[in-house]
């Protein structure tokens, strides 16, 4: 199995040093049933992540509850606990070096008529950060998967 044929990748937040609030690129879940968003963190302060659904790619959306897990110990590869539920206020992501934070969202968790998904990170200080989304369970699977950016 080749993951790139079973899913679709979107770099939601380019690798960078976060010094202010960040809003990710919007992705459309219209052709996909599930999104796994992996936020990788480097050295720096903890930050709060909030998830939003929106009617269009340009809209800011409304915050939503979501499931997440995290690996807060630097350099480890096993999540610290099973999935937990976050509120619409979001949840703090680890501040250490080499940490991971994973958000899991099914398309049916989005409001009707709001197929776009985005994340926001607050401005809690300086932190190395990036976010990669893997969309799976697509409607039209092929060697080249459909775009999720429009």
Protein backbone atom coordinates (compact mmCIF):
# COMPACT_ATOMS: atom_id res chain seq x y z
CA UNK A 1 0.00 0.00 0.00
CA UNK A 2 1.22 3.49 -0.86
CA UNK A 3 -0.09 6.10 1.54
CA UNK A 4 -0.05 8.84 -1.12
CA UNK A 5 -2.56 6.76 -3.13
CA UNK A 6 -4.79 6.15 -0.08
CA UNK A 7 -4.71 9.68 1.27
CA UNK A 8 -3.89 13.28 0.45
CA UNK A 9 -1.36 15.52 2.19
CA UNK A 10 -1.76 19.24 2.84
CA UNK A 11 0.89 21.34 4.55
CA UNK A 12 -1.40 23.52 6.65
CA UNK A 13 1.34 25.54 8.35
CA UNK A 14 4.77 25.76 6.74
CA UNK A 15 7.69 25.06 9.13
CA UNK A 16 8.49 28.35 10.85
CA UNK A 17 9.19 30.09 14.12
CA UNK A 18 5.87 31.21 15.50
CA UNK A 19 6.15 34.68 17.03
CA UNK A 20 2.52 35.75 16.55
CA UNK A 21 -0.86 34.08 16.18
CA UNK A 22 -0.98 31.75 13.15
CA UNK A 23 -3.94 30.69 11.04
CA UNK A 24 -3.46 27.66 8.82
CA UNK A 25 -4.38 27.21 5.22
CA UNK A 26 -8.02 26.08 4.86
CA UNK A 27 -8.64 22.58 3.57
CA UNK A 28 -11.83 21.17 2.08
CA UNK A 29 -13.12 17.88 3.38
CA UNK A 30 -15.78 17.69 0.64
CA UNK A 31 -13.99 14.73 -0.99
CA UNK A 32 -12.60 13.11 2.17
CA UNK A 33 -14.12 11.51 5.26
CA UNK A 34 -11.27 11.93 7.75
CA UNK A 35 -8.49 14.39 8.58
CA UNK A 36 -5.47 13.71 10.79
CA UNK A 37 -3.54 16.90 11.54
CA UNK A 38 -0.05 16.46 12.96
CA UNK A 39 1.47 19.53 14.59
CA UNK A 40 5.21 19.12 15.11
CA UNK A 41 6.84 21.41 17.64
CA UNK A 42 10.38 22.45 18.29
CA UNK A 43 11.95 24.56 20.99
CA UNK A 44 9.79 27.28 22.43
CA UNK A 45 6.70 28.15 24.44
CA UNK A 46 3.48 26.19 24.66
CA UNK A 47 0.69 27.42 22.37
CA UNK A 48 -3.08 26.87 22.27
CA UNK A 49 -4.57 25.28 19.15
CA UNK A 50 -8.19 25.85 18.12
CA UNK A 51 -10.02 24.12 15.25
CA UNK A 52 -12.59 25.85 13.02
CA UNK A 53 -15.02 24.81 10.31
CA UNK A 54 -15.95 27.32 7.59
CA UNK A 55 -18.30 27.70 4.61
CA UNK A 56 -15.53 28.79 2.22
CA UNK A 57 -11.74 28.66 2.07
CA UNK A 58 -11.61 32.41 2.74
CA UNK A 59 -13.95 32.38 5.75
CA UNK A 60 -12.69 32.46 9.33
CA UNK A 61 -15.26 29.93 10.58
CA UNK A 62 -16.55 28.95 13.99
CA UNK A 63 -14.53 27.07 16.59
CA UNK A 64 -15.47 23.44 17.15
CA UNK A 65 -14.80 20.59 19.54
CA UNK A 66 -12.23 18.03 18.37
CA UNK A 67 -10.38 14.92 19.46
CA UNK A 68 -6.64 14.99 20.01
CA UNK A 69 -3.67 13.17 21.47
CA UNK A 70 -0.16 14.37 22.15
CA UNK A 71 3.37 13.25 22.75
CA UNK A 72 4.79 15.83 25.14
CA UNK A 73 8.11 14.11 25.89
CA UNK A 74 10.87 15.30 23.58
CA UNK A 75 12.15 12.71 21.14
CA UNK A 76 9.55 10.03 21.88
CA UNK A 77 7.33 8.39 19.25
CA UNK A 78 4.42 7.10 21.34
CA UNK A 79 1.46 9.30 22.17
CA UNK A 80 1.08 9.95 25.91
CA UNK A 81 -2.57 8.86 26.13
CA UNK A 82 -5.61 7.85 24.12
CA UNK A 83 -7.71 10.43 22.28
CA UNK A 84 -9.22 13.14 24.46
CA UNK A 85 -11.89 15.74 23.67
CA UNK A 86 -11.03 19.43 23.41
CA UNK A 87 -13.55 22.21 23.88
CA UNK A 88 -14.24 25.03 21.42
CA UNK A 89 -11.69 27.06 23.42
CA UNK A 90 -8.95 24.73 22.17
CA UNK A 91 -6.15 23.02 24.05
CA UNK A 92 -2.52 23.77 24.88
CA UNK A 93 0.08 21.98 22.79
CA UNK A 94 3.43 21.03 24.37
CA UNK A 95 6.22 23.57 24.49
CA UNK A 96 9.19 21.19 24.42
CA UNK A 97 11.52 20.28 21.58
CA UNK A 98 10.53 17.33 19.38
CA UNK A 99 6.90 17.09 20.50
CA UNK A 100 3.85 16.03 18.50
CA UNK A 101 0.17 16.93 18.73
CA UNK A 102 -2.41 15.07 16.63
CA UNK A 103 -5.96 16.24 15.84
CA UNK A 104 -8.46 13.70 14.49
CA UNK A 105 -11.62 14.93 12.72
CA UNK A 106 -14.30 13.11 10.75
CA UNK A 107 -16.12 15.06 8.02
CA UNK A 108 -19.48 14.44 9.72
CA UNK A 109 -18.24 16.46 12.73
CA UNK A 110 -18.31 19.62 10.59
CA UNK A 111 -21.52 21.63 10.43
CA UNK A 112 -23.71 21.12 7.34
CA UNK A 113 -22.62 23.54 4.62
CA UNK A 114 -19.21 24.10 6.28
CA UNK A 115 -16.80 21.72 4.52
CA UNK A 116 -13.61 23.72 5.17
CA UNK A 117 -11.32 23.10 8.10
CA UNK A 118 -8.56 25.28 9.56
CA UNK A 119 -6.54 25.58 12.75
CA UNK A 120 -5.28 28.57 14.70
CA UNK A 121 -2.37 28.78 17.09
CA UNK A 122 -2.33 31.60 19.63
CA UNK A 123 0.64 33.89 20.15
CA UNK A 124 2.05 32.36 23.32
CA UNK A 125 5.64 33.25 22.54
CA UNK A 126 8.29 31.98 20.16
CA UNK A 127 8.07 28.33 19.02
CA UNK A 128 9.22 26.26 16.06
CA UNK A 129 6.08 24.80 14.52
CA UNK A 130 4.58 23.10 11.46
CA UNK A 131 1.29 21.35 10.71
CA UNK A 132 0.66 18.58 8.17
CA UNK A 133 -2.80 17.20 7.42
CA UNK A 134 -3.41 13.74 5.99
CA UNK A 135 -6.86 13.38 4.45
CA UNK A 136 -8.12 9.80 4.08
CA UNK A 137 -11.16 7.84 2.98
CA UNK A 138 -11.49 9.86 -0.21
CA UNK A 139 -14.41 9.68 -2.58
CA UNK A 140 -12.23 9.50 -5.70
CA UNK A 141 -9.13 7.46 -4.94
CA UNK A 142 -6.45 7.24 -7.61
CA UNK A 143 -2.70 7.56 -7.97
CA UNK A 144 -3.15 11.34 -7.95
CA UNK A 145 -5.68 12.38 -5.31
CA UNK A 146 -8.02 15.38 -5.69
CA UNK A 147 -6.98 18.76 -4.28
CA UNK A 148 -8.34 19.84 -0.91
CA UNK A 149 -7.41 23.51 -1.24
CA UNK A 150 -10.39 24.80 -3.22
